[in-house]
């Protein structure tokens, strides 16, 4: 049984940092494209960043490029999202998702509703 469990969300002031973690079980990270998606209240879900299967190529949404960093620790079966210089518009529920059939990180980021496996999300609130 595949499970993805996110943690690390919380309340942070603008300009602050958070690190999200996604612990996965029931799958091998190298065999899956895996990424982070977010959904703000009243808005559509959007892709934030993904790592492709095997080669580990990375893609970021333009809105987070230069501020967020995604990484993967296969030994710990964990994917991280380091978020720096946070802005109020980064507020939302952040979801971790995985899919074995997506070959590129670029495609993964745009697959905002079609990933095979999803976590339940962790809330990030950026506010003063």
C-alpha atoms as a PDB file:
ATOM      1  CA  UNK A   1       0.000   0.000   0.000  1.00  0.00           C
ATOM      2  CA  UNK A   2       1.417   3.332  -1.078  1.00  0.00           C
ATOM      3  CA  UNK A   3       1.376   6.127   1.490  1.00  0.00           C
ATOM      4  CA  UNK A   4       2.683   9.668   1.382  1.00  0.00           C
ATOM      5  CA  UNK A   5       2.735  11.659   4.620  1.00  0.00           C
ATOM      6  CA  UNK A   6       3.577  15.355   4.631  1.00  0.00           C
ATOM      7  CA  UNK A   7       4.806  17.380   7.597  1.00  0.00           C
ATOM      8  CA  UNK A   8       6.534  20.652   8.376  1.00  0.00           C
ATOM      9  CA  UNK A   9       3.807  23.165   7.651  1.00  0.00           C
ATOM     10  CA  UNK A  10       2.928  26.008   9.983  1.00  0.00           C
ATOM     11  CA  UNK A  11       2.644  29.742  10.421  1.00  0.00           C
ATOM     12  CA  UNK A  12       5.603  31.842   9.311  1.00  0.00           C
ATOM     13  CA  UNK A  13       6.179  35.556   8.747  1.00  0.00           C
ATOM     14  CA  UNK A  14       6.859  36.937   5.278  1.00  0.00           C
ATOM     15  CA  UNK A  15      10.526  36.471   4.437  1.00  0.00           C
ATOM     16  CA  UNK A  16      10.790  33.413   6.652  1.00  0.00           C
ATOM     17  CA  UNK A  17      11.584  29.798   5.834  1.00  0.00           C
ATOM     18  CA  UNK A  18      10.027  26.371   6.241  1.00  0.00           C
ATOM     19  CA  UNK A  19      11.084  22.878   5.246  1.00  0.00           C
ATOM     20  CA  UNK A  20       8.395  20.420   4.271  1.00  0.00           C
ATOM     21  CA  UNK A  21       8.961  16.671   4.373  1.00  0.00           C
ATOM     22  CA  UNK A  22       7.132  13.879   2.576  1.00  0.00           C
ATOM     23  CA  UNK A  23       7.786  10.372   3.877  1.00  0.00           C
ATOM     24  CA  UNK A  24       6.753   7.708   1.404  1.00  0.00           C
ATOM     25  CA  UNK A  25       6.143   3.997   1.855  1.00  0.00           C
ATOM     26  CA  UNK A  26       5.107   1.218  -0.465  1.00  0.00           C
ATOM     27  CA  UNK A  27       7.158   2.494  -3.390  1.00  0.00           C
ATOM     28  CA  UNK A  28      10.755   3.075  -4.479  1.00  0.00           C
ATOM     29  CA  UNK A  29      11.457   6.780  -4.979  1.00  0.00           C
ATOM     30  CA  UNK A  30      13.714   6.218  -7.981  1.00  0.00           C
ATOM     31  CA  UNK A  31      10.841   4.591  -9.862  1.00  0.00           C
ATOM     32  CA  UNK A  32       8.442   7.519  -9.472  1.00  0.00           C
ATOM     33  CA  UNK A  33       8.178  11.117 -10.485  1.00  0.00           C
ATOM     34  CA  UNK A  34       7.451  12.867  -7.206  1.00  0.00           C
ATOM     35  CA  UNK A  35       6.612  16.436  -6.439  1.00  0.00           C
ATOM     36  CA  UNK A  36       4.917  19.140  -4.462  1.00  0.00           C
ATOM     37  CA  UNK A  37       1.650  20.826  -5.305  1.00  0.00           C
ATOM     38  CA  UNK A  38      -0.290  23.500  -3.443  1.00  0.00           C
ATOM     39  CA  UNK A  39      -3.792  24.858  -3.239  1.00  0.00           C
ATOM     40  CA  UNK A  40      -4.743  28.213  -1.798  1.00  0.00           C
ATOM     41  CA  UNK A  41      -8.294  28.861  -0.532  1.00  0.00           C
ATOM     42  CA  UNK A  42     -10.645  29.429  -3.444  1.00  0.00           C
ATOM     43  CA  UNK A  43      -7.970  28.755  -6.056  1.00  0.00           C
ATOM     44  CA  UNK A  44      -7.001  25.939  -8.361  1.00  0.00           C
ATOM     45  CA  UNK A  45      -4.272  23.526  -7.340  1.00  0.00           C
ATOM     46  CA  UNK A  46      -0.886  24.337  -8.875  1.00  0.00           C
ATOM     47  CA  UNK A  47       2.329  22.438  -9.325  1.00  0.00           C
ATOM     48  CA  UNK A  48       5.251  23.779  -7.298  1.00  0.00           C
ATOM     49  CA  UNK A  49       8.188  21.484  -8.048  1.00  0.00           C
ATOM     50  CA  UNK A  50       8.943  17.933  -9.150  1.00  0.00           C
ATOM     51  CA  UNK A  51      11.809  15.456  -9.379  1.00  0.00           C
ATOM     52  CA  UNK A  52      11.720  12.998 -12.263  1.00  0.00           C
ATOM     53  CA  UNK A  53      12.174   9.269 -11.753  1.00  0.00           C
ATOM     54  CA  UNK A  54      15.630   7.750 -12.266  1.00  0.00           C
ATOM     55  CA  UNK A  55      17.760  10.740 -13.368  1.00  0.00           C
ATOM     56  CA  UNK A  56      16.260  13.059 -10.794  1.00  0.00           C
ATOM     57  CA  UNK A  57      15.810  16.049 -13.084  1.00  0.00           C
ATOM     58  CA  UNK A  58      14.098  18.952 -11.366  1.00  0.00           C
ATOM     59  CA  UNK A  59      11.584  21.561 -12.460  1.00  0.00           C
ATOM     60  CA  UNK A  60      10.085  24.508 -10.578  1.00  0.00           C
ATOM     61  CA  UNK A  61       7.084  26.685 -11.178  1.00  0.00           C
ATOM     62  CA  UNK A  62       8.136  30.210 -12.138  1.00  0.00           C
ATOM     63  CA  UNK A  63       6.467  31.571  -8.995  1.00  0.00           C
ATOM     64  CA  UNK A  64       8.887  29.726  -6.688  1.00  0.00           C
ATOM     65  CA  UNK A  65      12.059  29.550  -8.790  1.00  0.00           C
ATOM     66  CA  UNK A  66      15.071  30.782  -6.837  1.00  0.00           C
ATOM     67  CA  UNK A  67      13.253  30.543  -3.500  1.00  0.00           C
ATOM     68  CA  UNK A  68      12.254  26.869  -3.163  1.00  0.00           C
ATOM     69  CA  UNK A  69      14.481  23.790  -3.386  1.00  0.00           C
ATOM     70  CA  UNK A  70      13.268  20.226  -3.802  1.00  0.00           C
ATOM     71  CA  UNK A  71      15.431  17.269  -2.836  1.00  0.00           C
ATOM     72  CA  UNK A  72      15.139  13.523  -2.448  1.00  0.00           C
ATOM     73  CA  UNK A  73      16.750  11.195   0.117  1.00  0.00           C
ATOM     74  CA  UNK A  74      16.267   7.664  -1.151  1.00  0.00           C
ATOM     75  CA  UNK A  75      17.733   6.095   1.997  1.00  0.00           C
ATOM     76  CA  UNK A  76      15.101   7.820   4.118  1.00  0.00           C
ATOM     77  CA  UNK A  77      12.324   7.473   1.532  1.00  0.00           C
ATOM     78  CA  UNK A  78      11.727  11.181   1.974  1.00  0.00           C
ATOM     79  CA  UNK A  79      11.288  14.133  -0.326  1.00  0.00           C
ATOM     80  CA  UNK A  80      11.868  17.653   0.985  1.00  0.00           C
ATOM     81  CA  UNK A  81      10.798  21.120  -0.050  1.00  0.00           C
ATOM     82  CA  UNK A  82      12.949  23.890   1.386  1.00  0.00           C
ATOM     83  CA  UNK A  83      11.034  27.148   1.149  1.00  0.00           C
ATOM     84  CA  UNK A  84      12.865  30.444   1.660  1.00  0.00           C
ATOM     85  CA  UNK A  85      11.831  34.089   1.310  1.00  0.00           C
ATOM     86  CA  UNK A  86       8.225  33.109   1.800  1.00  0.00           C
ATOM     87  CA  UNK A  87       5.477  35.434   0.623  1.00  0.00           C
ATOM     88  CA  UNK A  88       1.810  35.672   1.640  1.00  0.00           C
ATOM     89  CA  UNK A  89       0.877  34.285  -1.780  1.00  0.00           C
ATOM     90  CA  UNK A  90       2.691  31.055  -0.864  1.00  0.00           C
ATOM     91  CA  UNK A  91      -0.062  30.328   1.647  1.00  0.00           C
ATOM     92  CA  UNK A  92      -1.974  27.121   1.025  1.00  0.00           C
ATOM     93  CA  UNK A  93      -2.175  23.399   1.610  1.00  0.00           C
ATOM     94  CA  UNK A  94       0.907  21.683   0.243  1.00  0.00           C
ATOM     95  CA  UNK A  95       0.536  18.169  -1.117  1.00  0.00           C
ATOM     96  CA  UNK A  96       3.127  15.567  -1.980  1.00  0.00           C
ATOM     97  CA  UNK A  97       2.290  13.326  -4.950  1.00  0.00           C
ATOM     98  CA  UNK A  98       3.881  10.495  -6.910  1.00  0.00           C
ATOM     99  CA  UNK A  99       3.353   8.829 -10.268  1.00  0.00           C
ATOM    100  CA  UNK A 100       5.334   6.020 -11.947  1.00  0.00           C
ATOM    101  CA  UNK A 101       4.296   6.881 -15.511  1.00  0.00           C
ATOM    102  CA  UNK A 102       5.468  10.478 -15.807  1.00  0.00           C
ATOM    103  CA  UNK A 103       8.884  10.705 -17.422  1.00  0.00           C
ATOM    104  CA  UNK A 104       9.881  14.352 -16.914  1.00  0.00           C
ATOM    105  CA  UNK A 105       9.808  16.838 -14.067  1.00  0.00           C
ATOM    106  CA  UNK A 106       8.328  19.420 -16.446  1.00  0.00           C
ATOM    107  CA  UNK A 107       5.305  17.201 -17.163  1.00  0.00           C
ATOM    108  CA  UNK A 108       4.969  16.313 -13.490  1.00  0.00           C
ATOM    109  CA  UNK A 109       4.604  19.957 -12.395  1.00  0.00           C
ATOM    110  CA  UNK A 110       1.763  20.399 -14.879  1.00  0.00           C
ATOM    111  CA  UNK A 111      -0.023  17.210 -13.801  1.00  0.00           C
ATOM    112  CA  UNK A 112      -1.731  19.015 -10.938  1.00  0.00           C
ATOM    113  CA  UNK A 113      -4.717  16.668 -10.689  1.00  0.00           C
ATOM    114  CA  UNK A 114      -3.555  13.487 -12.421  1.00  0.00           C
ATOM    115  CA  UNK A 115      -0.824  12.087 -10.183  1.00  0.00           C
ATOM    116  CA  UNK A 116      -1.510   8.522  -9.064  1.00  0.00           C
ATOM    117  CA  UNK A 117      -0.807   8.897  -5.350  1.00  0.00           C
ATOM    118  CA  UNK A 118      -1.389  11.854  -3.036  1.00  0.00           C
ATOM    119  CA  UNK A 119      -0.734  12.723   0.582  1.00  0.00           C
ATOM    120  CA  UNK A 120      -3.297  14.489   2.724  1.00  0.00           C
ATOM    121  CA  UNK A 121      -1.422  17.770   2.772  1.00  0.00           C
ATOM    122  CA  UNK A 122       0.162  20.150   5.245  1.00  0.00           C
ATOM    123  CA  UNK A 123      -0.966  23.753   5.742  1.00  0.00           C
ATOM    124  CA  UNK A 124       1.467  26.617   5.205  1.00  0.00           C
ATOM    125  CA  UNK A 125       0.371  30.086   6.286  1.00  0.00           C
ATOM    126  CA  UNK A 126       2.555  33.091   5.530  1.00  0.00           C
ATOM    127  CA  UNK A 127       1.325  36.097   7.456  1.00  0.00           C
ATOM    128  CA  UNK A 128       2.524  38.838   9.732  1.00  0.00           C
END
